[in-house]
């Protein structure tokens, strides 16, 4: 996934209120590419094949490395705030047919790409990619390495649910070539975690971050969300303080959008619990 880096003037040059005014407007998430507003009925299978073939023709002159995103939709438990494309299940055998379909999808895509299959960025997102077993992750990476050529400096990133991994699993991810992690934290406050049905203690994340550094992951990102139920400025300030002690390489901060009419899981969130 390509990173979006915001370059802002030095604090002394622009008053804080002016900075907030500039960035407070709504916008598509950086994790969605193309951004959600670019999807529509006008772009279907013929258009996709045409775009891939155009890249194939252009690559005969210049082979520009690809950025590849692989979606793993499965989660064992439901986070009430979530608006992602997901499948909630404890039946891990459901992953097998999905991975088989993914294998066929990769083959269809690379057939159109031709010889230029260099990849400089890979991101596994979800859902929870760590829903997959170690063997399934190994098989998935084998499929990708068979069909694509990863550049020597390629960034291989995976989203991790801290509740589904330990130091041993992180070591396996490192062996598979992953060098970047994204940990879903959202908030460390116990009351907020209960309200959104995602309970994970600070100590769990702290120990995973330490293991990731010891294993040589070059970058660790943490996700946070503001505007969650039972969240207060004081409680979120405490979460920020705890995150600061972890010293992540990157923080993705999202605003919670309460749209229960569109996203059924959010109907379990009581409106009275939302911050003003």
C-alpha atoms as a PDB file:
ATOM      1  CA  UNK A   1       0.000   0.000   0.000  1.00  0.00           C
ATOM      2  CA  UNK A   2       1.251   3.475  -0.798  1.00  0.00           C
ATOM      3  CA  UNK A   3       1.637   5.778   2.172  1.00  0.00           C
ATOM      4  CA  UNK A   4       0.113   9.236   2.284  1.00  0.00           C
ATOM      5  CA  UNK A   5       2.363  11.706   4.068  1.00  0.00           C
ATOM      6  CA  UNK A   6       0.909  15.051   5.103  1.00  0.00           C
ATOM      7  CA  UNK A   7       3.485  17.848   5.030  1.00  0.00           C
ATOM      8  CA  UNK A   8       2.343  20.720   7.220  1.00  0.00           C
ATOM      9  CA  UNK A   9       4.016  24.045   8.019  1.00  0.00           C
ATOM     10  CA  UNK A  10       5.972  24.321  11.251  1.00  0.00           C
ATOM     11  CA  UNK A  11       3.739  24.936  14.301  1.00  0.00           C
ATOM     12  CA  UNK A  12       5.251  28.375  14.761  1.00  0.00           C
ATOM     13  CA  UNK A  13       4.171  29.413  11.261  1.00  0.00           C
ATOM     14  CA  UNK A  14       0.492  28.452  11.452  1.00  0.00           C
ATOM     15  CA  UNK A  15      -1.774  28.781  14.515  1.00  0.00           C
ATOM     16  CA  UNK A  16      -3.187  25.448  15.780  1.00  0.00           C
ATOM     17  CA  UNK A  17      -6.757  26.574  15.073  1.00  0.00           C
ATOM     18  CA  UNK A  18      -5.836  27.188  11.449  1.00  0.00           C
ATOM     19  CA  UNK A  19      -4.241  23.735  11.137  1.00  0.00           C
ATOM     20  CA  UNK A  20      -7.413  22.145  12.521  1.00  0.00           C
ATOM     21  CA  UNK A  21      -9.557  24.152  10.122  1.00  0.00           C
ATOM     22  CA  UNK A  22      -7.540  22.898   7.156  1.00  0.00           C
ATOM     23  CA  UNK A  23      -7.668  19.207   8.028  1.00  0.00           C
ATOM     24  CA  UNK A  24     -11.070  18.800   9.684  1.00  0.00           C
ATOM     25  CA  UNK A  25     -12.990  18.157   6.468  1.00  0.00           C
ATOM     26  CA  UNK A  26     -14.138  14.622   5.609  1.00  0.00           C
ATOM     27  CA  UNK A  27     -12.164  12.618   3.084  1.00  0.00           C
ATOM     28  CA  UNK A  28     -11.672   9.046   1.879  1.00  0.00           C
ATOM     29  CA  UNK A  29      -9.458   6.780   3.950  1.00  0.00           C
ATOM     30  CA  UNK A  30      -5.906   6.455   2.723  1.00  0.00           C
ATOM     31  CA  UNK A  31      -6.287   2.667   3.017  1.00  0.00           C
ATOM     32  CA  UNK A  32      -8.842   2.597   0.221  1.00  0.00           C
ATOM     33  CA  UNK A  33      -7.237   2.729  -3.216  1.00  0.00           C
ATOM     34  CA  UNK A  34      -8.787   3.584  -5.494  1.00  0.00           C
ATOM     35  CA  UNK A  35     -10.756   5.647  -3.009  1.00  0.00           C
ATOM     36  CA  UNK A  36     -14.354   4.580  -2.440  1.00  0.00           C
ATOM     37  CA  UNK A  37     -15.801   7.418  -4.506  1.00  0.00           C
ATOM     38  CA  UNK A  38     -13.972   6.098  -7.593  1.00  0.00           C
ATOM     39  CA  UNK A  39     -15.828   2.780  -7.636  1.00  0.00           C
ATOM     40  CA  UNK A  40     -18.932   2.490  -9.789  1.00  0.00           C
ATOM     41  CA  UNK A  41     -20.832   0.467 -12.366  1.00  0.00           C
ATOM     42  CA  UNK A  42     -18.827   1.988 -15.207  1.00  0.00           C
ATOM     43  CA  UNK A  43     -15.749  -0.046 -14.281  1.00  0.00           C
ATOM     44  CA  UNK A  44     -16.333  -3.771 -14.699  1.00  0.00           C
ATOM     45  CA  UNK A  45     -14.473  -6.819 -15.968  1.00  0.00           C
ATOM     46  CA  UNK A  46     -13.886  -5.476 -19.520  1.00  0.00           C
ATOM     47  CA  UNK A  47     -12.470  -2.220 -18.175  1.00  0.00           C
ATOM     48  CA  UNK A  48     -10.230  -4.085 -15.725  1.00  0.00           C
ATOM     49  CA  UNK A  49      -8.850  -6.326 -18.467  1.00  0.00           C
ATOM     50  CA  UNK A  50      -8.299  -3.307 -20.683  1.00  0.00           C
ATOM     51  CA  UNK A  51      -6.397  -1.483 -17.935  1.00  0.00           C
ATOM     52  CA  UNK A  52      -4.246  -4.528 -17.186  1.00  0.00           C
ATOM     53  CA  UNK A  53      -3.501  -5.024 -20.875  1.00  0.00           C
ATOM     54  CA  UNK A  54      -2.547  -1.353 -21.258  1.00  0.00           C
ATOM     55  CA  UNK A  55      -0.080  -1.829 -18.419  1.00  0.00           C
ATOM     56  CA  UNK A  56       1.229  -4.960 -20.143  1.00  0.00           C
ATOM     57  CA  UNK A  57       1.898  -3.010 -23.332  1.00  0.00           C
ATOM     58  CA  UNK A  58       3.507  -0.111 -21.452  1.00  0.00           C
ATOM     59  CA  UNK A  59       5.717  -2.500 -19.473  1.00  0.00           C
ATOM     60  CA  UNK A  60       7.501  -3.524 -22.652  1.00  0.00           C
ATOM     61  CA  UNK A  61       9.245  -0.169 -22.336  1.00  0.00           C
ATOM     62  CA  UNK A  62       9.204   0.487 -18.581  1.00  0.00           C
ATOM     63  CA  UNK A  63       8.269  -2.060 -15.896  1.00  0.00           C
ATOM     64  CA  UNK A  64       6.849  -0.103 -12.971  1.00  0.00           C
ATOM     65  CA  UNK A  65       6.558  -2.187  -9.766  1.00  0.00           C
ATOM     66  CA  UNK A  66       3.085  -2.967  -8.498  1.00  0.00           C
ATOM     67  CA  UNK A  67       1.443  -2.426  -5.119  1.00  0.00           C
ATOM     68  CA  UNK A  68      -0.706  -5.456  -4.256  1.00  0.00           C
ATOM     69  CA  UNK A  69      -3.508  -5.620  -1.695  1.00  0.00           C
ATOM     70  CA  UNK A  70      -4.957  -8.965  -0.563  1.00  0.00           C
ATOM     71  CA  UNK A  71      -8.190  -8.948   1.434  1.00  0.00           C
ATOM     72  CA  UNK A  72      -8.788 -11.623   4.074  1.00  0.00           C
ATOM     73  CA  UNK A  73     -12.354 -10.980   5.282  1.00  0.00           C
ATOM     74  CA  UNK A  74     -12.589 -13.364   8.236  1.00  0.00           C
ATOM     75  CA  UNK A  75     -12.813 -12.413  11.924  1.00  0.00           C
ATOM     76  CA  UNK A  76     -13.594 -14.592  14.939  1.00  0.00           C
ATOM     77  CA  UNK A  77     -15.554 -11.883  16.747  1.00  0.00           C
ATOM     78  CA  UNK A  78     -17.478  -8.780  15.753  1.00  0.00           C
ATOM     79  CA  UNK A  79     -16.223  -5.286  16.568  1.00  0.00           C
ATOM     80  CA  UNK A  80     -19.357  -3.155  16.780  1.00  0.00           C
ATOM     81  CA  UNK A  81     -17.804  -0.071  15.158  1.00  0.00           C
ATOM     82  CA  UNK A  82     -16.565  -1.960  12.093  1.00  0.00           C
ATOM     83  CA  UNK A  83     -17.722  -0.985   8.602  1.00  0.00           C
ATOM     84  CA  UNK A  84     -15.272  -3.208   6.716  1.00  0.00           C
ATOM     85  CA  UNK A  85     -16.106  -6.046   4.341  1.00  0.00           C
ATOM     86  CA  UNK A  86     -15.976  -9.002   6.737  1.00  0.00           C
ATOM     87  CA  UNK A  87     -17.191 -12.498   7.586  1.00  0.00           C
ATOM     88  CA  UNK A  88     -17.642 -13.256  11.293  1.00  0.00           C
ATOM     89  CA  UNK A  89     -17.070 -16.935  12.042  1.00  0.00           C
ATOM     90  CA  UNK A  90     -15.234 -19.305  14.353  1.00  0.00           C
ATOM     91  CA  UNK A  91     -15.265 -21.988  11.658  1.00  0.00           C
ATOM     92  CA  UNK A  92     -11.722 -21.692  10.340  1.00  0.00           C
ATOM     93  CA  UNK A  93     -12.374 -24.257   7.630  1.00  0.00           C
ATOM     94  CA  UNK A  94     -14.274 -21.537   5.753  1.00  0.00           C
ATOM     95  CA  UNK A  95     -10.950 -19.981   4.800  1.00  0.00           C
ATOM     96  CA  UNK A  96      -9.914 -22.905   2.565  1.00  0.00           C
ATOM     97  CA  UNK A  97     -12.395 -22.334  -0.313  1.00  0.00           C
ATOM     98  CA  UNK A  98     -11.728 -18.595  -0.139  1.00  0.00           C
ATOM     99  CA  UNK A  99      -7.986 -19.152  -0.541  1.00  0.00           C
ATOM    100  CA  UNK A 100      -8.647 -21.498  -3.467  1.00  0.00           C
ATOM    101  CA  UNK A 101     -10.722 -18.788  -5.151  1.00  0.00           C
ATOM    102  CA  UNK A 102      -7.995 -16.260  -4.395  1.00  0.00           C
ATOM    103  CA  UNK A 103      -5.457 -18.517  -6.102  1.00  0.00           C
ATOM    104  CA  UNK A 104      -7.619 -18.567  -9.238  1.00  0.00           C
ATOM    105  CA  UNK A 105      -8.100 -14.786  -9.070  1.00  0.00           C
ATOM    106  CA  UNK A 106      -4.345 -14.200  -8.917  1.00  0.00           C
ATOM    107  CA  UNK A 107      -3.865 -16.426 -11.956  1.00  0.00           C
ATOM    108  CA  UNK A 108      -6.489 -14.465 -13.906  1.00  0.00           C
ATOM    109  CA  UNK A 109      -4.821 -11.154 -13.078  1.00  0.00           C
ATOM    110  CA  UNK A 110      -1.235 -12.141 -13.850  1.00  0.00           C
ATOM    111  CA  UNK A 111      -2.371 -13.641 -17.151  1.00  0.00           C
ATOM    112  CA  UNK A 112      -3.188 -10.094 -18.217  1.00  0.00           C
ATOM    113  CA  UNK A 113      -0.029  -8.551 -16.768  1.00  0.00           C
ATOM    114  CA  UNK A 114       2.495 -10.353 -18.910  1.00  0.00           C
ATOM    115  CA  UNK A 115       6.123 -10.537 -17.812  1.00  0.00           C
ATOM    116  CA  UNK A 116       6.108  -7.347 -15.718  1.00  0.00           C
ATOM    117  CA  UNK A 117       5.075  -8.660 -12.319  1.00  0.00           C
ATOM    118  CA  UNK A 118       7.443  -6.849  -9.981  1.00  0.00           C
ATOM    119  CA  UNK A 119       5.915  -5.918  -6.626  1.00  0.00           C
ATOM    120  CA  UNK A 120       7.360  -3.251  -4.340  1.00  0.00           C
ATOM    121  CA  UNK A 121       4.508  -3.198  -1.810  1.00  0.00           C
ATOM    122  CA  UNK A 122       2.244  -5.942  -0.479  1.00  0.00           C
ATOM    123  CA  UNK A 123      -0.451  -5.442   2.133  1.00  0.00           C
ATOM    124  CA  UNK A 124      -2.690  -8.084   3.699  1.00  0.00           C
ATOM    125  CA  UNK A 125      -5.784  -6.537   5.245  1.00  0.00           C
ATOM    126  CA  UNK A 126      -9.213  -7.555   6.388  1.00  0.00           C
ATOM    127  CA  UNK A 127     -11.066  -8.629   8.312  1.00  0.00           C
ATOM    128  CA  UNK A 128      -8.204 -10.193  10.208  1.00  0.00           C
ATOM    129  CA  UNK A 129      -5.459 -11.788   8.088  1.00  0.00           C
ATOM    130  CA  UNK A 130      -4.192 -13.530  11.227  1.00  0.00           C
ATOM    131  CA  UNK A 131      -7.469 -15.485  11.242  1.00  0.00           C
ATOM    132  CA  UNK A 132      -5.574 -17.756   8.842  1.00  0.00           C
ATOM    133  CA  UNK A 133      -3.428 -20.523  10.272  1.00  0.00           C
ATOM    134  CA  UNK A 134       0.343 -20.426   9.897  1.00  0.00           C
ATOM    135  CA  UNK A 135       0.074 -23.113   7.211  1.00  0.00           C
ATOM    136  CA  UNK A 136      -2.549 -21.106   5.289  1.00  0.00           C
ATOM    137  CA  UNK A 137      -0.447 -17.945   5.445  1.00  0.00           C
ATOM    138  CA  UNK A 138       2.537 -19.937   4.206  1.00  0.00           C
ATOM    139  CA  UNK A 139       0.463 -21.268   1.310  1.00  0.00           C
ATOM    140  CA  UNK A 140      -0.854 -17.822   0.437  1.00  0.00           C
ATOM    141  CA  UNK A 141       2.631 -16.330   0.345  1.00  0.00           C
ATOM    142  CA  UNK A 142       3.779 -19.240  -1.833  1.00  0.00           C
ATOM    143  CA  UNK A 143       1.010 -18.390  -4.320  1.00  0.00           C
ATOM    144  CA  UNK A 144       2.008 -14.739  -4.380  1.00  0.00           C
ATOM    145  CA  UNK A 145       5.727 -15.452  -4.746  1.00  0.00           C
ATOM    146  CA  UNK A 146       5.015 -17.915  -7.551  1.00  0.00           C
ATOM    147  CA  UNK A 147       3.067 -15.315  -9.517  1.00  0.00           C
ATOM    148  CA  UNK A 148       4.898 -12.102  -8.631  1.00  0.00           C
ATOM    149  CA  UNK A 149       8.501 -11.006  -8.256  1.00  0.00           C
ATOM    150  CA  UNK A 150       9.099  -9.072  -5.043  1.00  0.00           C
ATOM    151  CA  UNK A 151      11.767  -6.416  -5.337  1.00  0.00           C
ATOM    152  CA  UNK A 152      14.714  -6.648  -2.890  1.00  0.00           C
ATOM    153  CA  UNK A 153      13.448  -3.670  -0.873  1.00  0.00           C
ATOM    154  CA  UNK A 154       9.767  -4.627  -1.043  1.00  0.00           C
ATOM    155  CA  UNK A 155       7.522  -3.603   1.852  1.00  0.00           C
ATOM    156  CA  UNK A 156       5.461  -6.570   3.030  1.00  0.00           C
ATOM    157  CA  UNK A 157       2.802  -5.480   5.506  1.00  0.00           C
ATOM    158  CA  UNK A 158       0.081  -7.355   7.367  1.00  0.00           C
ATOM    159  CA  UNK A 159      -2.742  -6.240   9.642  1.00  0.00           C
ATOM    160  CA  UNK A 160      -2.623  -8.047  12.975  1.00  0.00           C
ATOM    161  CA  UNK A 161      -5.357  -8.573  15.540  1.00  0.00           C
ATOM    162  CA  UNK A 162      -3.331  -8.612  18.790  1.00  0.00           C
ATOM    163  CA  UNK A 163      -5.765 -11.134  20.260  1.00  0.00           C
ATOM    164  CA  UNK A 164      -4.849 -13.732  17.628  1.00  0.00           C
ATOM    165  CA  UNK A 165      -1.044 -13.670  17.706  1.00  0.00           C
ATOM    166  CA  UNK A 166       1.862 -14.212  20.065  1.00  0.00           C
ATOM    167  CA  UNK A 167       5.636 -13.975  19.727  1.00  0.00           C
ATOM    168  CA  UNK A 168       5.770 -17.361  17.987  1.00  0.00           C
ATOM    169  CA  UNK A 169       3.257 -16.302  15.335  1.00  0.00           C
ATOM    170  CA  UNK A 170       5.086 -13.019  14.800  1.00  0.00           C
ATOM    171  CA  UNK A 171       8.278 -14.996  14.224  1.00  0.00           C
ATOM    172  CA  UNK A 172       6.481 -17.038  11.567  1.00  0.00           C
ATOM    173  CA  UNK A 173       5.279 -13.873   9.833  1.00  0.00           C
ATOM    174  CA  UNK A 174       8.840 -12.589   9.834  1.00  0.00           C
ATOM    175  CA  UNK A 175      10.050 -15.868   8.295  1.00  0.00           C
ATOM    176  CA  UNK A 176       7.477 -15.418   5.526  1.00  0.00           C
ATOM    177  CA  UNK A 177       9.078 -12.087   4.667  1.00  0.00           C
ATOM    178  CA  UNK A 178       6.735  -9.618   6.340  1.00  0.00           C
ATOM    179  CA  UNK A 179       8.641  -6.579   7.548  1.00  0.00           C
ATOM    180  CA  UNK A 180       5.810  -4.224   8.552  1.00  0.00           C
ATOM    181  CA  UNK A 181       2.970  -4.735  11.040  1.00  0.00           C
ATOM    182  CA  UNK A 182      -0.262  -2.852  11.633  1.00  0.00           C
ATOM    183  CA  UNK A 183      -1.844  -3.459  15.042  1.00  0.00           C
ATOM    184  CA  UNK A 184      -5.502  -2.682  15.668  1.00  0.00           C
ATOM    185  CA  UNK A 185      -5.718  -0.927  19.042  1.00  0.00           C
ATOM    186  CA  UNK A 186      -8.555   1.624  18.637  1.00  0.00           C
ATOM    187  CA  UNK A 187      -8.612   2.495  22.375  1.00  0.00           C
ATOM    188  CA  UNK A 188      -7.041   1.113  25.553  1.00  0.00           C
ATOM    189  CA  UNK A 189      -9.818   2.206  27.913  1.00  0.00           C
ATOM    190  CA  UNK A 190     -11.586  -0.920  29.314  1.00  0.00           C
ATOM    191  CA  UNK A 191     -15.051   0.687  29.249  1.00  0.00           C
ATOM    192  CA  UNK A 192     -14.639   1.724  25.618  1.00  0.00           C
ATOM    193  CA  UNK A 193     -13.357  -1.730  24.698  1.00  0.00           C
ATOM    194  CA  UNK A 194     -16.406  -3.364  26.292  1.00  0.00           C
ATOM    195  CA  UNK A 195     -18.740  -0.963  24.496  1.00  0.00           C
ATOM    196  CA  UNK A 196     -17.298  -1.896  21.081  1.00  0.00           C
ATOM    197  CA  UNK A 197     -16.790  -5.612  21.876  1.00  0.00           C
ATOM    198  CA  UNK A 198     -13.015  -5.576  21.437  1.00  0.00           C
ATOM    199  CA  UNK A 199     -11.223  -6.230  24.708  1.00  0.00           C
ATOM    200  CA  UNK A 200      -7.439  -6.431  24.670  1.00  0.00           C
ATOM    201  CA  UNK A 201      -5.211  -5.258  27.522  1.00  0.00           C
ATOM    202  CA  UNK A 202      -2.414  -2.756  27.086  1.00  0.00           C
ATOM    203  CA  UNK A 203       0.119  -5.329  28.291  1.00  0.00           C
ATOM    204  CA  UNK A 204      -0.740  -7.660  25.402  1.00  0.00           C
ATOM    205  CA  UNK A 205       0.000  -4.990  22.805  1.00  0.00           C
ATOM    206  CA  UNK A 206       3.107  -3.821  24.679  1.00  0.00           C
ATOM    207  CA  UNK A 207       4.599  -7.321  24.650  1.00  0.00           C
ATOM    208  CA  UNK A 208       3.785  -7.827  20.960  1.00  0.00           C
ATOM    209  CA  UNK A 209       5.459  -4.536  20.054  1.00  0.00           C
ATOM    210  CA  UNK A 210       8.575  -5.591  21.958  1.00  0.00           C
ATOM    211  CA  UNK A 211       8.592  -8.957  20.177  1.00  0.00           C
ATOM    212  CA  UNK A 212       8.163  -7.282  16.789  1.00  0.00           C
ATOM    213  CA  UNK A 213      11.194  -5.080  17.374  1.00  0.00           C
ATOM    214  CA  UNK A 214      13.267  -8.014  18.586  1.00  0.00           C
ATOM    215  CA  UNK A 215      12.325  -9.958  15.449  1.00  0.00           C
ATOM    216  CA  UNK A 216      13.454  -7.145  13.166  1.00  0.00           C
ATOM    217  CA  UNK A 217      10.196  -5.735  11.805  1.00  0.00           C
ATOM    218  CA  UNK A 218      11.234  -2.428  10.287  1.00  0.00           C
ATOM    219  CA  UNK A 219       7.954  -0.609  10.955  1.00  0.00           C
ATOM    220  CA  UNK A 220       4.989  -0.993  13.286  1.00  0.00           C
ATOM    221  CA  UNK A 221       1.760   0.946  12.845  1.00  0.00           C
ATOM    222  CA  UNK A 222      -1.075   1.245  15.360  1.00  0.00           C
ATOM    223  CA  UNK A 223      -4.686   2.106  14.528  1.00  0.00           C
ATOM    224  CA  UNK A 224      -6.685   4.389  16.804  1.00  0.00           C
ATOM    225  CA  UNK A 225     -10.287   5.603  16.561  1.00  0.00           C
ATOM    226  CA  UNK A 226     -11.768   8.694  18.187  1.00  0.00           C
ATOM    227  CA  UNK A 227     -15.495   9.210  18.702  1.00  0.00           C
ATOM    228  CA  UNK A 228     -16.180   5.710  20.058  1.00  0.00           C
ATOM    229  CA  UNK A 229     -18.896   5.049  22.651  1.00  0.00           C
ATOM    230  CA  UNK A 230     -18.013   5.870  26.281  1.00  0.00           C
ATOM    231  CA  UNK A 231     -14.906   7.665  25.086  1.00  0.00           C
ATOM    232  CA  UNK A 232     -14.067  11.001  26.693  1.00  0.00           C
ATOM    233  CA  UNK A 233     -11.299  13.514  25.997  1.00  0.00           C
ATOM    234  CA  UNK A 234      -9.699  12.441  29.275  1.00  0.00           C
ATOM    235  CA  UNK A 235      -9.854   8.710  28.543  1.00  0.00           C
ATOM    236  CA  UNK A 236      -8.536   9.144  25.007  1.00  0.00           C
ATOM    237  CA  UNK A 237      -5.739  11.324  26.364  1.00  0.00           C
ATOM    238  CA  UNK A 238      -4.738   8.388  28.559  1.00  0.00           C
ATOM    239  CA  UNK A 239      -4.788   6.083  25.532  1.00  0.00           C
ATOM    240  CA  UNK A 240      -2.552   8.492  23.617  1.00  0.00           C
ATOM    241  CA  UNK A 241      -0.158   8.507  26.559  1.00  0.00           C
ATOM    242  CA  UNK A 242      -0.025   4.715  26.608  1.00  0.00           C
ATOM    243  CA  UNK A 243       0.549   4.601  22.854  1.00  0.00           C
ATOM    244  CA  UNK A 244       3.387   7.107  23.232  1.00  0.00           C
ATOM    245  CA  UNK A 245       5.184   4.726  25.589  1.00  0.00           C
ATOM    246  CA  UNK A 246       5.039   2.053  22.865  1.00  0.00           C
ATOM    247  CA  UNK A 247       6.849   4.358  20.407  1.00  0.00           C
ATOM    248  CA  UNK A 248       5.178   3.060  17.215  1.00  0.00           C
ATOM    249  CA  UNK A 249       6.712   4.070  13.906  1.00  0.00           C
ATOM    250  CA  UNK A 250       3.364   5.260  12.616  1.00  0.00           C
ATOM    251  CA  UNK A 251      -0.139   6.016  13.903  1.00  0.00           C
ATOM    252  CA  UNK A 252      -3.317   5.851  11.819  1.00  0.00           C
ATOM    253  CA  UNK A 253      -6.008   7.919  13.551  1.00  0.00           C
ATOM    254  CA  UNK A 254      -9.578   7.518  12.323  1.00  0.00           C
ATOM    255  CA  UNK A 255     -12.813   9.290  13.167  1.00  0.00           C
ATOM    256  CA  UNK A 256     -15.659   6.935  14.009  1.00  0.00           C
ATOM    257  CA  UNK A 257     -18.623   7.393  11.661  1.00  0.00           C
ATOM    258  CA  UNK A 258     -21.847   6.185  13.283  1.00  0.00           C
ATOM    259  CA  UNK A 259     -24.034   4.954  10.415  1.00  0.00           C
ATOM    260  CA  UNK A 260     -26.199   2.193  11.910  1.00  0.00           C
ATOM    261  CA  UNK A 261     -28.689   2.330   9.046  1.00  0.00           C
ATOM    262  CA  UNK A 262     -25.907   1.287   6.671  1.00  0.00           C
ATOM    263  CA  UNK A 263     -23.749  -0.900   8.921  1.00  0.00           C
ATOM    264  CA  UNK A 264     -25.740  -3.400  10.961  1.00  0.00           C
ATOM    265  CA  UNK A 265     -23.066  -4.086  13.642  1.00  0.00           C
ATOM    266  CA  UNK A 266     -23.217  -0.437  14.709  1.00  0.00           C
ATOM    267  CA  UNK A 267     -26.830  -0.917  15.817  1.00  0.00           C
ATOM    268  CA  UNK A 268     -25.412  -2.575  18.927  1.00  0.00           C
ATOM    269  CA  UNK A 269     -23.902   0.749  19.955  1.00  0.00           C
ATOM    270  CA  UNK A 270     -26.171   2.849  22.139  1.00  0.00           C
ATOM    271  CA  UNK A 271     -26.472   6.374  20.833  1.00  0.00           C
ATOM    272  CA  UNK A 272     -26.442   7.758  24.362  1.00  0.00           C
ATOM    273  CA  UNK A 273     -22.938   6.319  24.834  1.00  0.00           C
ATOM    274  CA  UNK A 274     -21.476   8.302  21.943  1.00  0.00           C
ATOM    275  CA  UNK A 275     -19.424  11.380  22.857  1.00  0.00           C
ATOM    276  CA  UNK A 276     -20.889  14.750  21.993  1.00  0.00           C
END
